[in-house]
Amino acid sequence: MKKKIFVCSPLRGDFERNRHIAELLCRIVALKGHIPLAPHVYFTRFLEDDNEFERDFGIDAGIELLKLCDEIWVFNFNEISEGMNLEIQVAKNKNIPIKMFETI
């Protein structure tokens, strides 16, 4: 059975670069035989991250997807953003296993 893996990585800052890295991380998860879920990749295709309402909606929807996952894989690259911290806290509260990765 394939695990649903929530991909947790930074988005803000160098937005395009970080989104590209998140896509590569999803590829890694998929090639390991799991189902990657990275709402920050998907939702930013049609929601504006600079619009507070749309950003909040995306974060809330992402949290709902996280609750459906078997694990969360955190790729922090020496940075845990505010959004990532929220996802980690939700995972802890829901007893979703957390795997930390310092590099790709």
PDB file of N, CA and C in Angstrom:
ATOM      1  N   MET A   1       0.849  -1.189   0.000  1.00  0.00           N
ATOM      2  CA  MET A   1       0.000   0.000   0.000  1.00  0.00           C
ATOM      3  C   MET A   1       0.890   1.246   0.000  1.00  0.00           C
ATOM      4  N   LYS A   2       0.585   2.173  -0.862  1.00  0.00           N
ATOM      5  CA  LYS A   2       1.364   3.398  -0.957  1.00  0.00           C
ATOM      6  C   LYS A   2       0.994   4.340   0.187  1.00  0.00           C
ATOM      7  N   LYS A   3       2.018   4.964   0.771  1.00  0.00           N
ATOM      8  CA  LYS A   3       1.779   5.957   1.811  1.00  0.00           C
ATOM      9  C   LYS A   3       1.522   7.312   1.175  1.00  0.00           C
ATOM     10  N   LYS A   4       0.641   8.077   1.808  1.00  0.00           N
ATOM     11  CA  LYS A   4       0.419   9.471   1.423  1.00  0.00           C
ATOM     12  C   LYS A   4       1.395  10.312   2.245  1.00  0.00           C
ATOM     13  N   ILE A   5       2.329  10.969   1.558  1.00  0.00           N
ATOM     14  CA  ILE A   5       3.375  11.743   2.215  1.00  0.00           C
ATOM     15  C   ILE A   5       3.137  13.226   1.987  1.00  0.00           C
ATOM     16  N   PHE A   6       2.998  13.972   3.063  1.00  0.00           N
ATOM     17  CA  PHE A   6       2.861  15.425   2.986  1.00  0.00           C
ATOM     18  C   PHE A   6       4.263  16.015   2.888  1.00  0.00           C
ATOM     19  N   VAL A   7       4.523  16.750   1.822  1.00  0.00           N
ATOM     20  CA  VAL A   7       5.826  17.366   1.579  1.00  0.00           C
ATOM     21  C   VAL A   7       5.803  18.775   2.164  1.00  0.00           C
ATOM     22  N   CYS A   8       6.632  18.983   3.167  1.00  0.00           N
ATOM     23  CA  CYS A   8       6.694  20.249   3.896  1.00  0.00           C
ATOM     24  C   CYS A   8       8.045  20.909   3.584  1.00  0.00           C
ATOM     25  N   SER A   9       7.999  22.051   2.877  1.00  0.00           N
ATOM     26  CA  SER A   9       9.221  22.769   2.527  1.00  0.00           C
ATOM     27  C   SER A   9       8.898  24.252   2.393  1.00  0.00           C
ATOM     28  N   PRO A  10       9.921  25.109   2.444  1.00  0.00           N
ATOM     29  CA  PRO A  10       9.673  26.555   2.353  1.00  0.00           C
ATOM     30  C   PRO A  10       9.107  26.954   0.989  1.00  0.00           C
ATOM     31  N   LEU A  11       8.317  28.023   0.988  1.00  0.00           N
ATOM     32  CA  LEU A  11       7.794  28.573  -0.257  1.00  0.00           C
ATOM     33  C   LEU A  11       8.174  30.046  -0.406  1.00  0.00           C
ATOM     34  N   ARG A  12       7.943  30.812   0.606  1.00  0.00           N
ATOM     35  CA  ARG A  12       8.217  32.256   0.526  1.00  0.00           C
ATOM     36  C   ARG A  12       9.708  32.526   0.372  1.00  0.00           C
ATOM     37  N   GLY A  13      10.031  33.751   0.063  1.00  0.00           N
ATOM     38  CA  GLY A  13      11.420  34.111  -0.213  1.00  0.00           C
ATOM     39  C   GLY A  13      11.603  34.055  -1.714  1.00  0.00           C
ATOM     40  N   ASP A  14      12.443  33.165  -2.176  1.00  0.00           N
ATOM     41  CA  ASP A  14      12.631  32.960  -3.616  1.00  0.00           C
ATOM     42  C   ASP A  14      11.527  32.008  -4.085  1.00  0.00           C
ATOM     43  N   PHE A  15      10.358  32.582  -4.326  1.00  0.00           N
ATOM     44  CA  PHE A  15       9.128  31.826  -4.579  1.00  0.00           C
ATOM     45  C   PHE A  15       9.292  30.799  -5.697  1.00  0.00           C
ATOM     46  N   GLU A  16       9.735  31.229  -6.856  1.00  0.00           N
ATOM     47  CA  GLU A  16       9.834  30.319  -8.005  1.00  0.00           C
ATOM     48  C   GLU A  16      10.843  29.205  -7.738  1.00  0.00           C
ATOM     49  N   ARG A  17      11.979  29.547  -7.159  1.00  0.00           N
ATOM     50  CA  ARG A  17      13.000  28.552  -6.838  1.00  0.00           C
ATOM     51  C   ARG A  17      12.456  27.547  -5.823  1.00  0.00           C
ATOM     52  N   ASN A  18      11.808  28.052  -4.765  1.00  0.00           N
ATOM     53  CA  ASN A  18      11.286  27.176  -3.715  1.00  0.00           C
ATOM     54  C   ASN A  18      10.167  26.273  -4.224  1.00  0.00           C
ATOM     55  N   ARG A  19       9.332  26.806  -5.118  1.00  0.00           N
ATOM     56  CA  ARG A  19       8.271  25.970  -5.685  1.00  0.00           C
ATOM     57  C   ARG A  19       8.891  24.884  -6.567  1.00  0.00           C
ATOM     58  N   HIS A  20       9.909  25.231  -7.332  1.00  0.00           N
ATOM     59  CA  HIS A  20      10.602  24.243  -8.163  1.00  0.00           C
ATOM     60  C   HIS A  20      11.236  23.150  -7.297  1.00  0.00           C
ATOM     61  N   ILE A  21      11.875  23.551  -6.193  1.00  0.00           N
ATOM     62  CA  ILE A  21      12.465  22.566  -5.274  1.00  0.00           C
ATOM     63  C   ILE A  21      11.384  21.656  -4.707  1.00  0.00           C
ATOM     64  N   ALA A  22      10.235  22.224  -4.334  1.00  0.00           N
ATOM     65  CA  ALA A  22       9.132  21.414  -3.805  1.00  0.00           C
ATOM     66  C   ALA A  22       8.654  20.403  -4.849  1.00  0.00           C
ATOM     67  N   GLU A  23       8.625  20.804  -6.119  1.00  0.00           N
ATOM     68  CA  GLU A  23       8.248  19.874  -7.184  1.00  0.00           C
ATOM     69  C   GLU A  23       9.267  18.729  -7.281  1.00  0.00           C
ATOM     70  N   LEU A  24      10.547  19.054  -7.162  1.00  0.00           N
ATOM     71  CA  LEU A  24      11.584  18.015  -7.181  1.00  0.00           C
ATOM     72  C   LEU A  24      11.444  17.076  -5.982  1.00  0.00           C
ATOM     73  N   LEU A  25      11.111  17.630  -4.829  1.00  0.00           N
ATOM     74  CA  LEU A  25      10.905  16.803  -3.639  1.00  0.00           C
ATOM     75  C   LEU A  25       9.725  15.857  -3.846  1.00  0.00           C
ATOM     76  N   CYS A  26       8.667  16.343  -4.491  1.00  0.00           N
ATOM     77  CA  CYS A  26       7.525  15.477  -4.799  1.00  0.00           C
ATOM     78  C   CYS A  26       7.947  14.343  -5.717  1.00  0.00           C
ATOM     79  N   ARG A  27       8.815  14.641  -6.659  1.00  0.00           N
ATOM     80  CA  ARG A  27       9.318  13.602  -7.564  1.00  0.00           C
ATOM     81  C   ARG A  27      10.079  12.535  -6.779  1.00  0.00           C
ATOM     82  N   ILE A  28      10.915  12.983  -5.843  1.00  0.00           N
ATOM     83  CA  ILE A  28      11.664  12.034  -5.012  1.00  0.00           C
ATOM     84  C   ILE A  28      10.714  11.135  -4.229  1.00  0.00           C
ATOM     85  N   VAL A  29       9.702  11.736  -3.625  1.00  0.00           N
ATOM     86  CA  VAL A  29       8.718  10.960  -2.853  1.00  0.00           C
ATOM     87  C   VAL A  29       8.013   9.958  -3.767  1.00  0.00           C
ATOM     88  N   ALA A  30       7.615  10.410  -4.944  1.00  0.00           N
ATOM     89  CA  ALA A  30       6.908   9.533  -5.878  1.00  0.00           C
ATOM     90  C   ALA A  30       7.805   8.380  -6.339  1.00  0.00           C
ATOM     91  N   LEU A  31       9.069   8.686  -6.628  1.00  0.00           N
ATOM     92  CA  LEU A  31       9.984   7.643  -7.094  1.00  0.00           C
ATOM     93  C   LEU A  31      10.346   6.646  -5.990  1.00  0.00           C
ATOM     94  N   LYS A  32      10.080   7.011  -4.738  1.00  0.00           N
ATOM     95  CA  LYS A  32      10.248   6.069  -3.628  1.00  0.00           C
ATOM     96  C   LYS A  32       8.992   5.216  -3.443  1.00  0.00           C
ATOM     97  N   GLY A  33       7.989   5.436  -4.298  1.00  0.00           N
ATOM     98  CA  GLY A  33       6.788   4.601  -4.282  1.00  0.00           C
ATOM     99  C   GLY A  33       5.642   5.148  -3.456  1.00  0.00           C
ATOM    100  N   HIS A  34       5.737   6.404  -3.041  1.00  0.00           N
ATOM    101  CA  HIS A  34       4.697   7.011  -2.219  1.00  0.00           C
ATOM    102  C   HIS A  34       3.903   8.048  -3.020  1.00  0.00           C
ATOM    103  N   ILE A  35       2.817   8.505  -2.444  1.00  0.00           N
ATOM    104  CA  ILE A  35       1.986   9.541  -3.062  1.00  0.00           C
ATOM    105  C   ILE A  35       2.319  10.871  -2.395  1.00  0.00           C
ATOM    106  N   PRO A  36       2.959  11.796  -3.130  1.00  0.00           N
ATOM    107  CA  PRO A  36       3.311  13.085  -2.524  1.00  0.00           C
ATOM    108  C   PRO A  36       2.124  14.039  -2.521  1.00  0.00           C
ATOM    109  N   LEU A  37       1.969  14.750  -1.423  1.00  0.00           N
ATOM    110  CA  LEU A  37       0.989  15.831  -1.330  1.00  0.00           C
ATOM    111  C   LEU A  37       1.750  17.085  -0.930  1.00  0.00           C
ATOM    112  N   ALA A  38       1.727  18.083  -1.796  1.00  0.00           N
ATOM    113  CA  ALA A  38       2.414  19.347  -1.540  1.00  0.00           C
ATOM    114  C   ALA A  38       1.471  20.483  -1.926  1.00  0.00           C
ATOM    115  N   PRO A  39       0.552  20.827  -1.033  1.00  0.00           N
ATOM    116  CA  PRO A  39      -0.427  21.864  -1.354  1.00  0.00           C
ATOM    117  C   PRO A  39       0.196  23.196  -1.758  1.00  0.00           C
ATOM    118  N   HIS A  40       1.363  23.505  -1.218  1.00  0.00           N
ATOM    119  CA  HIS A  40       1.982  24.779  -1.565  1.00  0.00           C
ATOM    120  C   HIS A  40       2.439  24.800  -3.026  1.00  0.00           C
ATOM    121  N   VAL A  41       2.601  23.644  -3.645  1.00  0.00           N
ATOM    122  CA  VAL A  41       2.888  23.584  -5.077  1.00  0.00           C
ATOM    123  C   VAL A  41       1.583  23.715  -5.853  1.00  0.00           C
ATOM    124  N   TYR A  42       0.608  22.940  -5.445  1.00  0.00           N
ATOM    125  CA  TYR A  42      -0.662  22.880  -6.170  1.00  0.00           C
ATOM    126  C   TYR A  42      -1.483  24.168  -6.033  1.00  0.00           C
ATOM    127  N   PHE A  43      -1.719  24.599  -4.812  1.00  0.00           N
ATOM    128  CA  PHE A  43      -2.609  25.743  -4.603  1.00  0.00           C
ATOM    129  C   PHE A  43      -2.052  27.046  -5.160  1.00  0.00           C
ATOM    130  N   THR A  44      -0.735  27.195  -5.188  1.00  0.00           N
ATOM    131  CA  THR A  44      -0.168  28.439  -5.709  1.00  0.00           C
ATOM    132  C   THR A  44      -0.250  28.512  -7.234  1.00  0.00           C
ATOM    133  N   ARG A  45      -0.744  27.475  -7.864  1.00  0.00           N
ATOM    134  CA  ARG A  45      -0.995  27.523  -9.315  1.00  0.00           C
ATOM    135  C   ARG A  45      -2.248  28.347  -9.620  1.00  0.00           C
ATOM    136  N   PHE A  46      -3.177  28.421  -8.664  1.00  0.00           N
ATOM    137  CA  PHE A  46      -4.411  29.166  -8.932  1.00  0.00           C
ATOM    138  C   PHE A  46      -4.802  30.127  -7.815  1.00  0.00           C
ATOM    139  N   LEU A  47      -4.124  30.097  -6.690  1.00  0.00           N
ATOM    140  CA  LEU A  47      -4.357  31.056  -5.617  1.00  0.00           C
ATOM    141  C   LEU A  47      -3.147  31.982  -5.508  1.00  0.00           C
ATOM    142  N   GLU A  48      -3.400  33.255  -5.216  1.00  0.00           N
ATOM    143  CA  GLU A  48      -2.334  34.246  -5.079  1.00  0.00           C
ATOM    144  C   GLU A  48      -1.791  34.235  -3.658  1.00  0.00           C
ATOM    145  N   ASP A  49      -0.517  33.922  -3.507  1.00  0.00           N
ATOM    146  CA  ASP A  49       0.109  33.875  -2.193  1.00  0.00           C
ATOM    147  C   ASP A  49       0.199  35.264  -1.561  1.00  0.00           C
ATOM    148  N   ASP A  50       0.177  36.303  -2.384  1.00  0.00           N
ATOM    149  CA  ASP A  50       0.246  37.680  -1.869  1.00  0.00           C
ATOM    150  C   ASP A  50      -1.106  38.224  -1.423  1.00  0.00           C
ATOM    151  N   ASN A  51      -2.192  37.509  -1.732  1.00  0.00           N
ATOM    152  CA  ASN A  51      -3.533  37.899  -1.312  1.00  0.00           C
ATOM    153  C   ASN A  51      -3.831  37.190   0.008  1.00  0.00           C
ATOM    154  N   GLU A  52      -4.038  37.953   1.081  1.00  0.00           N
ATOM    155  CA  GLU A  52      -4.187  37.370   2.418  1.00  0.00           C
ATOM    156  C   GLU A  52      -5.319  36.349   2.496  1.00  0.00           C
ATOM    157  N   PHE A  53      -6.486  36.658   1.904  1.00  0.00           N
ATOM    158  CA  PHE A  53      -7.609  35.724   1.938  1.00  0.00           C
ATOM    159  C   PHE A  53      -7.255  34.423   1.221  1.00  0.00           C
ATOM    160  N   GLU A  54      -6.668  34.543   0.015  1.00  0.00           N
ATOM    161  CA  GLU A  54      -6.334  33.361  -0.763  1.00  0.00           C
ATOM    162  C   GLU A  54      -5.226  32.550  -0.093  1.00  0.00           C
ATOM    163  N   ARG A  55      -4.253  33.234   0.497  1.00  0.00           N
ATOM    164  CA  ARG A  55      -3.176  32.532   1.213  1.00  0.00           C
ATOM    165  C   ARG A  55      -3.753  31.761   2.402  1.00  0.00           C
ATOM    166  N   ASP A  56      -4.614  32.422   3.192  1.00  0.00           N
ATOM    167  CA  ASP A  56      -5.224  31.755   4.342  1.00  0.00           C
ATOM    168  C   ASP A  56      -6.059  30.549   3.913  1.00  0.00           C
ATOM    169  N   PHE A  57      -6.808  30.712   2.814  1.00  0.00           N
ATOM    170  CA  PHE A  57      -7.593  29.582   2.304  1.00  0.00           C
ATOM    171  C   PHE A  57      -6.672  28.425   1.932  1.00  0.00           C
ATOM    172  N   GLY A  58      -5.584  28.732   1.222  1.00  0.00           N
ATOM    173  CA  GLY A  58      -4.631  27.698   0.814  1.00  0.00           C
ATOM    174  C   GLY A  58      -4.010  26.981   2.005  1.00  0.00           C
ATOM    175  N   ILE A  59      -3.651  27.747   3.024  1.00  0.00           N
ATOM    176  CA  ILE A  59      -3.069  27.148   4.236  1.00  0.00           C
ATOM    177  C   ILE A  59      -4.082  26.231   4.913  1.00  0.00           C
ATOM    178  N   ASP A  60      -5.311  26.710   5.074  1.00  0.00           N
ATOM    179  CA  ASP A  60      -6.360  25.897   5.715  1.00  0.00           C
ATOM    180  C   ASP A  60      -6.645  24.619   4.918  1.00  0.00           C
ATOM    181  N   ALA A  61      -6.722  24.752   3.589  1.00  0.00           N
ATOM    182  CA  ALA A  61      -6.979  23.579   2.749  1.00  0.00           C
ATOM    183  C   ALA A  61      -5.807  22.604   2.834  1.00  0.00           C
ATOM    184  N   GLY A  62      -4.595  23.131   2.882  1.00  0.00           N
ATOM    185  CA  GLY A  62      -3.418  22.282   3.016  1.00  0.00           C
ATOM    186  C   GLY A  62      -3.418  21.505   4.317  1.00  0.00           C
ATOM    187  N   ILE A  63      -3.851  22.158   5.387  1.00  0.00           N
ATOM    188  CA  ILE A  63      -3.935  21.482   6.691  1.00  0.00           C
ATOM    189  C   ILE A  63      -4.940  20.336   6.628  1.00  0.00           C
ATOM    190  N   GLU A  64      -6.043  20.546   5.939  1.00  0.00           N
ATOM    191  CA  GLU A  64      -7.028  19.468   5.799  1.00  0.00           C
ATOM    192  C   GLU A  64      -6.433  18.281   5.041  1.00  0.00           C
ATOM    193  N   LEU A  65      -5.630  18.556   4.015  1.00  0.00           N
ATOM    194  CA  LEU A  65      -4.959  17.464   3.294  1.00  0.00           C
ATOM    195  C   LEU A  65      -3.922  16.772   4.171  1.00  0.00           C
ATOM    196  N   LEU A  66      -3.203  17.543   4.969  1.00  0.00           N
ATOM    197  CA  LEU A  66      -2.219  16.971   5.885  1.00  0.00           C
ATOM    198  C   LEU A  66      -2.866  15.940   6.800  1.00  0.00           C
ATOM    199  N   LYS A  67      -4.058  16.226   7.276  1.00  0.00           N
ATOM    200  CA  LYS A  67      -4.755  15.326   8.188  1.00  0.00           C
ATOM    201  C   LYS A  67      -5.059  13.966   7.555  1.00  0.00           C
ATOM    202  N   LEU A  68      -5.015  13.889   6.228  1.00  0.00           N
ATOM    203  CA  LEU A  68      -5.284  12.637   5.503  1.00  0.00           C
ATOM    204  C   LEU A  68      -4.017  11.827   5.237  1.00  0.00           C
ATOM    205  N   CYS A  69      -2.864  12.391   5.593  1.00  0.00           N
ATOM    206  CA  CYS A  69      -1.588  11.773   5.242  1.00  0.00           C
ATOM    207  C   CYS A  69      -1.101  10.772   6.284  1.00  0.00           C
ATOM    208  N   ASP A  70      -0.257   9.861   5.816  1.00  0.00           N
ATOM    209  CA  ASP A  70       0.345   8.861   6.691  1.00  0.00           C
ATOM    210  C   ASP A  70       1.588   9.396   7.384  1.00  0.00           C
ATOM    211  N   GLU A  71       2.305  10.313   6.718  1.00  0.00           N
ATOM    212  CA  GLU A  71       3.526  10.900   7.271  1.00  0.00           C
ATOM    213  C   GLU A  71       3.687  12.313   6.720  1.00  0.00           C
ATOM    214  N   ILE A  72       4.494  13.101   7.422  1.00  0.00           N
ATOM    215  CA  ILE A  72       4.928  14.390   6.903  1.00  0.00           C
ATOM    216  C   ILE A  72       6.449  14.343   6.817  1.00  0.00           C
ATOM    217  N   TRP A  73       6.970  14.707   5.649  1.00  0.00           N
ATOM    218  CA  TRP A  73       8.408  14.786   5.456  1.00  0.00           C
ATOM    219  C   TRP A  73       8.782  16.255   5.403  1.00  0.00           C
ATOM    220  N   VAL A  74       9.603  16.691   6.333  1.00  0.00           N
ATOM    221  CA  VAL A  74       9.977  18.092   6.455  1.00  0.00           C
ATOM    222  C   VAL A  74      11.372  18.287   5.875  1.00  0.00           C
ATOM    223  N   PHE A  75      11.441  19.125   4.853  1.00  0.00           N
ATOM    224  CA  PHE A  75      12.701  19.484   4.209  1.00  0.00           C
ATOM    225  C   PHE A  75      12.973  20.934   4.569  1.00  0.00           C
ATOM    226  N   ASN A  76      13.864  21.156   5.548  1.00  0.00           N
ATOM    227  CA  ASN A  76      13.963  22.513   6.079  1.00  0.00           C
ATOM    228  C   ASN A  76      15.111  23.342   5.555  1.00  0.00           C
ATOM    229  N   PHE A  77      16.180  22.749   5.079  1.00  0.00           N
ATOM    230  CA  PHE A  77      17.297  23.516   4.541  1.00  0.00           C
ATOM    231  C   PHE A  77      17.696  24.651   5.484  1.00  0.00           C
ATOM    232  N   ASN A  78      17.751  24.350   6.779  1.00  0.00           N
ATOM    233  CA  ASN A  78      18.115  25.327   7.819  1.00  0.00           C
ATOM    234  C   ASN A  78      17.080  26.430   7.998  1.00  0.00           C
ATOM    235  N   GLU A  79      15.868  26.209   7.549  1.00  0.00           N
ATOM    236  CA  GLU A  79      14.821  27.225   7.670  1.00  0.00           C
ATOM    237  C   GLU A  79      13.480  26.538   7.899  1.00  0.00           C
ATOM    238  N   ILE A  80      12.818  26.890   8.987  1.00  0.00           N
ATOM    239  CA  ILE A  80      11.446  26.442   9.222  1.00  0.00           C
ATOM    240  C   ILE A  80      10.581  27.692   9.154  1.00  0.00           C
ATOM    241  N   SER A  81       9.784  27.789   8.103  1.00  0.00           N
ATOM    242  CA  SER A  81       8.940  28.967   7.930  1.00  0.00           C
ATOM    243  C   SER A  81       7.735  28.897   8.872  1.00  0.00           C
ATOM    244  N   GLU A  82       7.008  29.975   8.943  1.00  0.00           N
ATOM    245  CA  GLU A  82       5.801  30.024   9.775  1.00  0.00           C
ATOM    246  C   GLU A  82       4.789  28.967   9.312  1.00  0.00           C
ATOM    247  N   GLY A  83       4.607  28.849   8.000  1.00  0.00           N
ATOM    248  CA  GLY A  83       3.680  27.850   7.465  1.00  0.00           C
ATOM    249  C   GLY A  83       4.122  26.434   7.758  1.00  0.00           C
ATOM    250  N   MET A  84       5.422  26.190   7.618  1.00  0.00           N
ATOM    251  CA  MET A  84       5.960  24.860   7.917  1.00  0.00           C
ATOM    252  C   MET A  84       5.771  24.526   9.388  1.00  0.00           C
ATOM    253  N   ASN A  85       6.018  25.504  10.253  1.00  0.00           N
ATOM    254  CA  ASN A  85       5.856  25.289  11.690  1.00  0.00           C
ATOM    255  C   ASN A  85       4.416  24.895  12.019  1.00  0.00           C
ATOM    256  N   LEU A  86       3.463  25.555  11.389  1.00  0.00           N
ATOM    257  CA  LEU A  86       2.054  25.213  11.598  1.00  0.00           C
ATOM    258  C   LEU A  86       1.789  23.770  11.171  1.00  0.00           C
ATOM    259  N   GLU A  87       2.307  23.379  10.011  1.00  0.00           N
ATOM    260  CA  GLU A  87       2.100  22.012   9.531  1.00  0.00           C
ATOM    261  C   GLU A  87       2.723  20.991  10.477  1.00  0.00           C
ATOM    262  N   ILE A  88       3.901  21.278  10.990  1.00  0.00           N
ATOM    263  CA  ILE A  88       4.568  20.379  11.933  1.00  0.00           C
ATOM    264  C   ILE A  88       3.754  20.250  13.216  1.00  0.00           C
ATOM    265  N   GLN A  89       3.233  21.359  13.709  1.00  0.00           N
ATOM    266  CA  GLN A  89       2.423  21.325  14.931  1.00  0.00           C
ATOM    267  C   GLN A  89       1.144  20.511  14.737  1.00  0.00           C
ATOM    268  N   VAL A  90       0.488  20.681  13.587  1.00  0.00           N
ATOM    269  CA  VAL A  90      -0.714  19.898  13.300  1.00  0.00           C
ATOM    270  C   VAL A  90      -0.362  18.412  13.255  1.00  0.00           C
ATOM    271  N   ALA A  91       0.744  18.072  12.594  1.00  0.00           N
ATOM    272  CA  ALA A  91       1.167  16.670  12.528  1.00  0.00           C
ATOM    273  C   ALA A  91       1.392  16.111  13.924  1.00  0.00           C
ATOM    274  N   LYS A  92       2.052  16.885  14.786  1.00  0.00           N
ATOM    275  CA  LYS A  92       2.275  16.428  16.169  1.00  0.00           C
ATOM    276  C   LYS A  92       0.951  16.202  16.875  1.00  0.00           C
ATOM    277  N   ASN A  93       0.031  17.147  16.728  1.00  0.00           N
ATOM    278  CA  ASN A  93      -1.272  17.052  17.405  1.00  0.00           C
ATOM    279  C   ASN A  93      -2.101  15.871  16.908  1.00  0.00           C
ATOM    280  N   LYS A  94      -1.928  15.508  15.645  1.00  0.00           N
ATOM    281  CA  LYS A  94      -2.686  14.405  15.042  1.00  0.00           C
ATOM    282  C   LYS A  94      -1.907  13.088  15.052  1.00  0.00           C
ATOM    283  N   ASN A  95      -0.734  13.099  15.713  1.00  0.00           N
ATOM    284  CA  ASN A  95       0.121  11.900  15.789  1.00  0.00           C
ATOM    285  C   ASN A  95       0.512  11.359  14.416  1.00  0.00           C
ATOM    286  N   ILE A  96       0.754  12.276  13.496  1.00  0.00           N
ATOM    287  CA  ILE A  96       1.232  11.900  12.165  1.00  0.00           C
ATOM    288  C   ILE A  96       2.763  11.839  12.246  1.00  0.00           C
ATOM    289  N   PRO A  97       3.361  10.720  11.893  1.00  0.00           N
ATOM    290  CA  PRO A  97       4.818  10.614  11.968  1.00  0.00           C
ATOM    291  C   PRO A  97       5.521  11.704  11.160  1.00  0.00           C
ATOM    292  N   ILE A  98       6.579  12.248  11.745  1.00  0.00           N
ATOM    293  CA  ILE A  98       7.343  13.340  11.144  1.00  0.00           C
ATOM    294  C   ILE A  98       8.748  12.829  10.840  1.00  0.00           C
ATOM    295  N   LYS A  99       9.179  13.009   9.594  1.00  0.00           N
ATOM    296  CA  LYS A  99      10.554  12.705   9.206  1.00  0.00           C
ATOM    297  C   LYS A  99      11.215  14.009   8.793  1.00  0.00           C
ATOM    298  N   MET A 100      12.359  14.285   9.391  1.00  0.00           N
ATOM    299  CA  MET A 100      13.091  15.526   9.118  1.00  0.00           C
ATOM    300  C   MET A 100      14.242  15.232   8.166  1.00  0.00           C
ATOM    301  N   PHE A 101      14.406  16.091   7.162  1.00  0.00           N
ATOM    302  CA  PHE A 101      15.506  15.993   6.210  1.00  0.00           C
ATOM    303  C   PHE A 101      16.193  17.350   6.148  1.00  0.00           C
ATOM    304  N   GLU A 102      17.495  17.345   6.342  1.00  0.00           N
ATOM    305  CA  GLU A 102      18.267  18.596   6.314  1.00  0.00           C
ATOM    306  C   GLU A 102      18.616  19.019   4.900  1.00  0.00           C
ATOM    307  N   THR A 103      18.808  18.053   4.007  1.00  0.00           N
ATOM    308  CA  THR A 103      19.131  18.343   2.612  1.00  0.00           C
ATOM    309  C   THR A 103      18.352  17.407   1.723  1.00  0.00           C
ATOM    310  N   ILE A 104      18.426  17.654   0.433  1.00  0.00           N
ATOM    311  CA  ILE A 104      17.702  16.823  -0.525  1.00  0.00           C
ATOM    312  C   ILE A 104      18.358  15.466  -0.619  1.00  0.00           C
TER     313      ILE A 104
END
